[in-house]
Amino acid sequence: KVDYDVCSNYGNWLYSAGIGNDPRDNRKFNMIKQGLDYDGNGDYVRLWLPELQGIKGADIHTPWALNSAALSQAGVTLGETYPQPVVTAPEWSRHINQRPQGRSPHPRGRRGPAHTPAQHKDRGIDFYFSRKKDV
């Protein structure tokens, strides 16, 4: 399932490009943190980047930070089978370097299920925009 909500997606893309509406100074969209928060195990990334299939867990969000042995085991060669990063933002480092040794089933800082609860599974766009809320 691909998440697509025109208003939210366009707004988020503008915000991540640095032209969104945010009155706070020096506010940046941290893509690594978002990946860890909303795709902690990397399943969504694996769906769209099959060349990273061999990277386990949340490490898929930062393949350039893996050592050569881990990359080799995953079948990834930076600069050949997957590109080197164009930029790495300084604020990403706290999410790369402070990972716990044991992988948690839940992304850091998040409690509860990492998937949509069963009672909300069938909510479509009509649920959010209709006046009648019978769920």
N, C-alpha and C. Protein backbone atom coordinates (compact mmCIF):
# COMPACT_ATOMS: atom_id res chain seq x y z
N LYS A 1 0.86 -1.18 0.00
CA LYS A 1 0.00 0.00 0.00
C LYS A 1 0.90 1.23 0.00
N VAL A 2 0.64 2.15 -0.89
CA VAL A 2 1.39 3.38 -0.98
C VAL A 2 0.56 4.50 -0.35
N ASP A 3 1.18 5.24 0.54
CA ASP A 3 0.52 6.34 1.22
C ASP A 3 0.49 7.55 0.29
N TYR A 4 -0.71 8.05 0.00
CA TYR A 4 -0.79 9.22 -0.87
C TYR A 4 -1.95 10.10 -0.44
N ASP A 5 -1.62 11.24 0.06
CA ASP A 5 -2.60 12.27 0.39
C ASP A 5 -2.02 13.55 -0.18
N VAL A 6 -2.65 14.07 -1.22
CA VAL A 6 -2.09 15.18 -1.99
C VAL A 6 -1.63 16.33 -1.08
N CYS A 7 -2.49 16.80 -0.22
CA CYS A 7 -2.14 17.96 0.62
C CYS A 7 -0.98 17.65 1.55
N SER A 8 -1.04 16.55 2.25
CA SER A 8 0.03 16.21 3.18
C SER A 8 1.34 15.95 2.46
N ASN A 9 1.30 15.17 1.39
CA ASN A 9 2.53 14.84 0.68
C ASN A 9 3.18 16.07 0.06
N TYR A 10 2.41 16.91 -0.63
CA TYR A 10 3.00 18.10 -1.23
C TYR A 10 3.57 19.01 -0.15
N GLY A 11 2.83 19.18 0.93
CA GLY A 11 3.32 20.00 2.04
C GLY A 11 4.60 19.45 2.63
N ASN A 12 4.66 18.15 2.82
CA ASN A 12 5.87 17.53 3.38
C ASN A 12 7.05 17.66 2.43
N TRP A 13 6.83 17.50 1.12
CA TRP A 13 7.92 17.65 0.17
C TRP A 13 8.45 19.08 0.16
N LEU A 14 7.55 20.05 0.20
CA LEU A 14 7.98 21.45 0.26
C LEU A 14 8.77 21.71 1.54
N TYR A 15 8.27 21.19 2.63
CA TYR A 15 8.93 21.37 3.93
C TYR A 15 10.32 20.75 3.92
N SER A 16 10.44 19.53 3.38
CA SER A 16 11.74 18.87 3.35
C SER A 16 12.70 19.57 2.40
N ALA A 17 12.17 20.30 1.42
CA ALA A 17 13.02 21.06 0.51
C ALA A 17 13.45 22.39 1.13
N GLY A 18 12.95 22.69 2.31
CA GLY A 18 13.35 23.91 3.00
C GLY A 18 12.53 25.13 2.64
N ILE A 19 11.40 24.93 1.96
CA ILE A 19 10.57 26.08 1.59
C ILE A 19 9.18 25.98 2.19
N GLY A 20 9.02 25.12 3.17
CA GLY A 20 7.73 24.97 3.83
C GLY A 20 7.47 26.10 4.80
N ASN A 21 6.28 26.14 5.34
CA ASN A 21 5.88 27.18 6.26
C ASN A 21 6.15 26.74 7.69
N ASP A 22 7.25 27.23 8.28
CA ASP A 22 7.58 26.90 9.66
C ASP A 22 8.24 28.13 10.28
N PRO A 23 7.62 28.71 11.29
CA PRO A 23 8.17 29.94 11.86
C PRO A 23 9.42 29.72 12.73
N ARG A 24 9.75 28.48 13.05
CA ARG A 24 10.89 28.24 13.93
C ARG A 24 12.20 28.40 13.16
N ASP A 25 13.18 29.02 13.81
CA ASP A 25 14.49 29.23 13.17
C ASP A 25 15.23 27.92 13.02
N ASN A 26 15.98 27.79 11.94
CA ASN A 26 16.87 26.66 11.70
C ASN A 26 16.16 25.31 11.78
N ARG A 27 14.92 25.27 11.36
CA ARG A 27 14.13 24.04 11.38
C ARG A 27 14.43 23.23 10.14
N LYS A 28 14.77 21.95 10.31
CA LYS A 28 15.09 21.08 9.19
C LYS A 28 14.31 19.79 9.31
N PHE A 29 13.94 19.24 8.19
CA PHE A 29 13.26 17.95 8.13
C PHE A 29 14.32 16.87 8.17
N ASN A 30 14.30 16.03 9.19
CA ASN A 30 15.32 14.99 9.37
C ASN A 30 14.79 13.67 8.80
N MET A 31 15.22 13.35 7.58
CA MET A 31 14.71 12.17 6.90
C MET A 31 15.12 10.87 7.59
N ILE A 32 16.28 10.85 8.21
CA ILE A 32 16.72 9.64 8.92
C ILE A 32 15.81 9.40 10.12
N LYS A 33 15.55 10.44 10.90
CA LYS A 33 14.66 10.31 12.06
C LYS A 33 13.26 9.86 11.62
N GLN A 34 12.75 10.45 10.54
CA GLN A 34 11.42 10.08 10.05
C GLN A 34 11.40 8.61 9.63
N GLY A 35 12.45 8.18 8.95
CA GLY A 35 12.53 6.77 8.55
C GLY A 35 12.53 5.85 9.75
N LEU A 36 13.28 6.20 10.78
CA LEU A 36 13.33 5.38 11.98
C LEU A 36 12.00 5.40 12.73
N ASP A 37 11.34 6.56 12.76
CA ASP A 37 10.06 6.67 13.47
C ASP A 37 8.92 5.94 12.76
N TYR A 38 8.88 6.02 11.44
CA TYR A 38 7.72 5.51 10.72
C TYR A 38 7.98 4.24 9.90
N ASP A 39 9.22 3.85 9.78
CA ASP A 39 9.57 2.62 9.06
C ASP A 39 10.75 1.98 9.77
N GLY A 40 10.58 1.75 11.06
CA GLY A 40 11.67 1.30 11.92
C GLY A 40 12.40 0.06 11.46
N ASN A 41 11.72 -0.85 10.84
CA ASN A 41 12.36 -2.07 10.36
C ASN A 41 12.82 -1.96 8.91
N GLY A 42 12.45 -0.88 8.24
CA GLY A 42 12.89 -0.64 6.87
C GLY A 42 12.09 -1.34 5.80
N ASP A 43 10.91 -1.86 6.14
CA ASP A 43 10.11 -2.60 5.16
C ASP A 43 9.70 -1.76 3.96
N TYR A 44 9.33 -0.50 4.19
CA TYR A 44 8.92 0.37 3.09
C TYR A 44 10.10 0.65 2.16
N VAL A 45 11.27 0.91 2.75
CA VAL A 45 12.46 1.17 1.93
C VAL A 45 12.80 -0.07 1.10
N ARG A 46 12.73 -1.25 1.73
CA ARG A 46 13.03 -2.49 1.00
C ARG A 46 12.08 -2.71 -0.17
N LEU A 47 10.83 -2.29 -0.02
CA LEU A 47 9.85 -2.43 -1.10
C LEU A 47 10.28 -1.66 -2.34
N TRP A 48 10.80 -0.46 -2.15
CA TRP A 48 11.12 0.41 -3.28
C TRP A 48 12.60 0.41 -3.67
N LEU A 49 13.47 -0.12 -2.83
CA LEU A 49 14.90 -0.19 -3.15
C LEU A 49 15.38 -1.63 -3.01
N PRO A 50 15.05 -2.47 -3.98
CA PRO A 50 15.40 -3.88 -3.86
C PRO A 50 16.91 -4.12 -3.77
N GLU A 51 17.74 -3.17 -4.23
CA GLU A 51 19.18 -3.34 -4.13
C GLU A 51 19.66 -3.32 -2.68
N LEU A 52 18.80 -2.88 -1.76
CA LEU A 52 19.16 -2.86 -0.34
C LEU A 52 18.50 -3.99 0.45
N GLN A 53 17.89 -4.96 -0.23
CA GLN A 53 17.17 -6.06 0.42
C GLN A 53 18.00 -6.77 1.48
N GLY A 54 19.29 -6.90 1.27
CA GLY A 54 20.14 -7.66 2.19
C GLY A 54 20.48 -6.94 3.48
N ILE A 55 20.18 -5.66 3.59
CA ILE A 55 20.48 -4.91 4.81
C ILE A 55 19.36 -5.15 5.81
N LYS A 56 19.71 -5.56 6.98
CA LYS A 56 18.72 -5.93 8.01
C LYS A 56 18.29 -4.73 8.84
N GLY A 57 17.04 -4.72 9.24
CA GLY A 57 16.50 -3.76 10.19
C GLY A 57 16.65 -2.31 9.77
N ALA A 58 16.79 -1.45 10.77
CA ALA A 58 16.83 -0.01 10.57
C ALA A 58 18.11 0.46 9.88
N ASP A 59 19.11 -0.38 9.78
CA ASP A 59 20.35 0.01 9.10
C ASP A 59 20.11 0.39 7.65
N ILE A 60 19.00 -0.05 7.09
CA ILE A 60 18.68 0.26 5.70
C ILE A 60 18.53 1.76 5.47
N HIS A 61 18.24 2.52 6.51
CA HIS A 61 18.07 3.97 6.37
C HIS A 61 19.40 4.69 6.22
N THR A 62 20.49 4.05 6.60
CA THR A 62 21.81 4.69 6.52
C THR A 62 22.86 3.70 6.03
N PRO A 63 22.73 3.20 4.80
CA PRO A 63 23.68 2.19 4.34
C PRO A 63 25.11 2.69 4.27
N TRP A 64 25.33 3.97 4.04
CA TRP A 64 26.67 4.52 3.95
C TRP A 64 27.40 4.48 5.30
N ALA A 65 26.66 4.31 6.39
CA ALA A 65 27.27 4.29 7.72
C ALA A 65 27.70 2.87 8.13
N LEU A 66 27.36 1.87 7.34
CA LEU A 66 27.73 0.49 7.67
C LEU A 66 29.19 0.23 7.32
N ASN A 67 29.79 -0.70 8.04
CA ASN A 67 31.18 -1.04 7.72
C ASN A 67 31.21 -1.92 6.47
N SER A 68 32.40 -2.08 5.93
CA SER A 68 32.53 -2.79 4.65
C SER A 68 32.10 -4.25 4.76
N ALA A 69 32.31 -4.87 5.92
CA ALA A 69 31.90 -6.27 6.10
C ALA A 69 30.37 -6.40 6.03
N ALA A 70 29.67 -5.50 6.70
CA ALA A 70 28.20 -5.54 6.69
C ALA A 70 27.67 -5.27 5.28
N LEU A 71 28.27 -4.31 4.57
CA LEU A 71 27.85 -4.03 3.20
C LEU A 71 28.10 -5.22 2.29
N SER A 72 29.26 -5.83 2.44
CA SER A 72 29.60 -6.99 1.63
C SER A 72 28.63 -8.14 1.87
N GLN A 73 28.31 -8.39 3.14
CA GLN A 73 27.37 -9.45 3.49
C GLN A 73 25.99 -9.18 2.90
N ALA A 74 25.60 -7.90 2.81
CA ALA A 74 24.29 -7.53 2.26
C ALA A 74 24.32 -7.47 0.73
N GLY A 75 25.49 -7.61 0.14
CA GLY A 75 25.59 -7.56 -1.31
C GLY A 75 25.51 -6.14 -1.87
N VAL A 76 25.91 -5.17 -1.06
CA VAL A 76 25.84 -3.76 -1.46
C VAL A 76 27.26 -3.21 -1.60
N THR A 77 27.50 -2.55 -2.72
CA THR A 77 28.77 -1.86 -2.93
C THR A 77 28.44 -0.40 -3.18
N LEU A 78 28.78 0.45 -2.20
CA LEU A 78 28.48 1.87 -2.36
C LEU A 78 29.24 2.43 -3.56
N GLY A 79 28.53 3.20 -4.36
CA GLY A 79 29.11 3.76 -5.57
C GLY A 79 28.94 2.86 -6.78
N GLU A 80 28.53 1.62 -6.57
CA GLU A 80 28.31 0.70 -7.69
C GLU A 80 26.87 0.17 -7.70
N THR A 81 26.51 -0.63 -6.70
CA THR A 81 25.15 -1.16 -6.66
C THR A 81 24.17 -0.21 -5.96
N TYR A 82 24.71 0.74 -5.20
CA TYR A 82 23.90 1.77 -4.54
C TYR A 82 24.77 3.02 -4.45
N PRO A 83 24.22 4.20 -4.74
CA PRO A 83 25.06 5.40 -4.78
C PRO A 83 25.56 5.86 -3.42
N GLN A 84 26.68 6.54 -3.43
CA GLN A 84 27.19 7.23 -2.24
C GLN A 84 26.23 8.37 -1.95
N PRO A 85 26.10 8.80 -0.70
CA PRO A 85 25.23 9.95 -0.42
C PRO A 85 25.78 11.22 -1.06
N VAL A 86 24.89 12.08 -1.52
CA VAL A 86 25.30 13.36 -2.09
C VAL A 86 25.67 14.31 -0.97
N VAL A 87 24.83 14.33 0.08
CA VAL A 87 25.12 15.11 1.29
C VAL A 87 24.77 14.26 2.50
N THR A 88 25.37 14.56 3.61
CA THR A 88 24.95 14.00 4.89
C THR A 88 24.83 15.17 5.86
N ALA A 89 23.65 15.36 6.38
CA ALA A 89 23.40 16.48 7.28
C ALA A 89 23.97 16.17 8.66
N PRO A 90 24.57 17.15 9.32
CA PRO A 90 25.16 16.93 10.65
C PRO A 90 24.15 16.41 11.67
N GLU A 91 22.90 16.86 11.57
CA GLU A 91 21.90 16.44 12.56
C GLU A 91 21.52 14.96 12.41
N TRP A 92 21.90 14.32 11.33
CA TRP A 92 21.63 12.89 11.17
C TRP A 92 22.50 12.05 12.08
N SER A 93 23.66 12.56 12.45
CA SER A 93 24.65 11.74 13.17
C SER A 93 24.11 11.18 14.48
N ARG A 94 23.29 11.92 15.17
CA ARG A 94 22.78 11.38 16.44
C ARG A 94 21.87 10.18 16.24
N HIS A 95 21.29 10.06 15.06
CA HIS A 95 20.44 8.91 14.77
C HIS A 95 21.23 7.75 14.19
N ILE A 96 22.41 8.02 13.70
CA ILE A 96 23.26 6.98 13.13
C ILE A 96 24.15 6.38 14.20
N ASN A 97 24.81 7.21 14.97
CA ASN A 97 25.83 6.76 15.90
C ASN A 97 25.32 6.29 17.25
N GLN A 98 24.11 6.61 17.63
CA GLN A 98 23.62 6.24 18.95
C GLN A 98 22.59 5.12 18.91
N ARG A 99 22.70 4.25 17.96
CA ARG A 99 21.76 3.13 17.88
C ARG A 99 22.11 2.11 18.95
N PRO A 100 21.09 1.53 19.56
CA PRO A 100 21.37 0.48 20.55
C PRO A 100 21.92 -0.76 19.86
N GLN A 101 22.72 -1.54 20.58
CA GLN A 101 23.29 -2.76 20.02
C GLN A 101 22.22 -3.78 19.68
N GLY A 102 21.29 -4.00 20.61
CA GLY A 102 20.17 -4.92 20.35
C GLY A 102 19.07 -4.18 19.64
N ARG A 103 18.58 -4.72 18.57
CA ARG A 103 17.52 -4.05 17.81
C ARG A 103 16.18 -4.24 18.51
N SER A 104 15.51 -3.13 18.70
CA SER A 104 14.18 -3.16 19.29
C SER A 104 13.16 -3.41 18.19
N PRO A 105 12.06 -4.12 18.50
CA PRO A 105 11.04 -4.30 17.48
C PRO A 105 10.30 -3.01 17.16
N HIS A 106 10.42 -2.01 18.04
CA HIS A 106 9.75 -0.73 17.82
C HIS A 106 10.79 0.33 17.56
N PRO A 107 10.50 1.27 16.64
CA PRO A 107 11.43 2.37 16.42
C PRO A 107 11.63 3.14 17.72
N ARG A 108 12.82 3.70 17.88
CA ARG A 108 13.10 4.46 19.09
C ARG A 108 12.11 5.60 19.26
N GLY A 109 11.70 5.84 20.50
CA GLY A 109 10.83 6.94 20.80
C GLY A 109 9.37 6.70 20.46
N ARG A 110 9.03 5.53 20.01
CA ARG A 110 7.65 5.27 19.62
C ARG A 110 7.11 4.12 20.44
N ARG A 111 5.91 4.26 20.90
CA ARG A 111 5.27 3.21 21.68
C ARG A 111 4.07 2.68 20.91
N GLY A 112 3.75 1.44 21.14
CA GLY A 112 2.57 0.88 20.51
C GLY A 112 2.89 0.20 19.20
N PRO A 113 1.85 -0.24 18.49
CA PRO A 113 2.07 -1.00 17.26
C PRO A 113 2.66 -0.13 16.16
N ALA A 114 3.49 -0.74 15.32
CA ALA A 114 4.11 -0.03 14.21
C ALA A 114 3.21 -0.08 12.98
N HIS A 115 2.06 -0.70 13.08
CA HIS A 115 1.14 -0.81 11.96
C HIS A 115 -0.20 -0.19 12.34
N THR A 116 -1.06 -0.02 11.38
CA THR A 116 -2.38 0.55 11.65
C THR A 116 -3.20 -0.44 12.46
N PRO A 117 -3.75 -0.01 13.61
CA PRO A 117 -4.57 -0.91 14.40
C PRO A 117 -5.74 -1.46 13.59
N ALA A 118 -6.16 -2.68 13.90
CA ALA A 118 -7.21 -3.36 13.14
C ALA A 118 -8.49 -2.55 13.05
N GLN A 119 -8.86 -1.84 14.12
CA GLN A 119 -10.11 -1.10 14.08
C GLN A 119 -10.06 0.09 13.12
N HIS A 120 -8.86 0.50 12.67
CA HIS A 120 -8.73 1.62 11.75
C HIS A 120 -8.31 1.18 10.35
N LYS A 121 -8.15 -0.10 10.15
CA LYS A 121 -7.60 -0.63 8.90
C LYS A 121 -8.40 -0.23 7.67
N ASP A 122 -9.71 -0.21 7.76
CA ASP A 122 -10.53 0.02 6.59
C ASP A 122 -10.98 1.48 6.44
N ARG A 123 -10.37 2.36 7.20
CA ARG A 123 -10.74 3.77 7.07
C ARG A 123 -10.18 4.33 5.78
N GLY A 124 -11.05 4.81 4.96
CA GLY A 124 -10.62 5.46 3.72
C GLY A 124 -10.71 6.96 3.89
N ILE A 125 -10.53 7.66 2.82
CA ILE A 125 -10.56 9.11 2.85
C ILE A 125 -11.92 9.63 3.30
N ASP A 126 -12.99 8.87 2.99
CA ASP A 126 -14.33 9.30 3.38
C ASP A 126 -14.49 9.39 4.89
N PHE A 127 -13.79 8.54 5.62
CA PHE A 127 -13.88 8.58 7.08
C PHE A 127 -13.46 9.95 7.60
N TYR A 128 -12.37 10.46 7.06
CA TYR A 128 -11.80 11.69 7.58
C TYR A 128 -12.54 12.94 7.13
N PHE A 129 -13.27 12.86 6.01
CA PHE A 129 -13.93 14.03 5.50
C PHE A 129 -15.44 13.99 5.61
N SER A 130 -16.00 12.90 6.10
CA SER A 130 -17.46 12.85 6.24
C SER A 130 -17.83 13.37 7.62
N ARG A 131 -19.04 13.86 7.76
CA ARG A 131 -19.50 14.37 9.04
C ARG A 131 -19.90 13.24 9.99
N LYS A 132 -20.37 12.13 9.42
CA LYS A 132 -20.84 11.02 10.23
C LYS A 132 -19.65 10.14 10.63
N LYS A 133 -19.45 9.96 11.94
CA LYS A 133 -18.37 9.14 12.45
C LYS A 133 -18.97 7.99 13.25
N ASP A 134 -19.21 6.88 12.60
CA ASP A 134 -19.87 5.73 13.26
C ASP A 134 -18.87 4.65 13.65
N VAL A 135 -17.61 4.91 13.57
CA VAL A 135 -16.60 3.88 13.90
C VAL A 135 -16.21 4.00 15.34
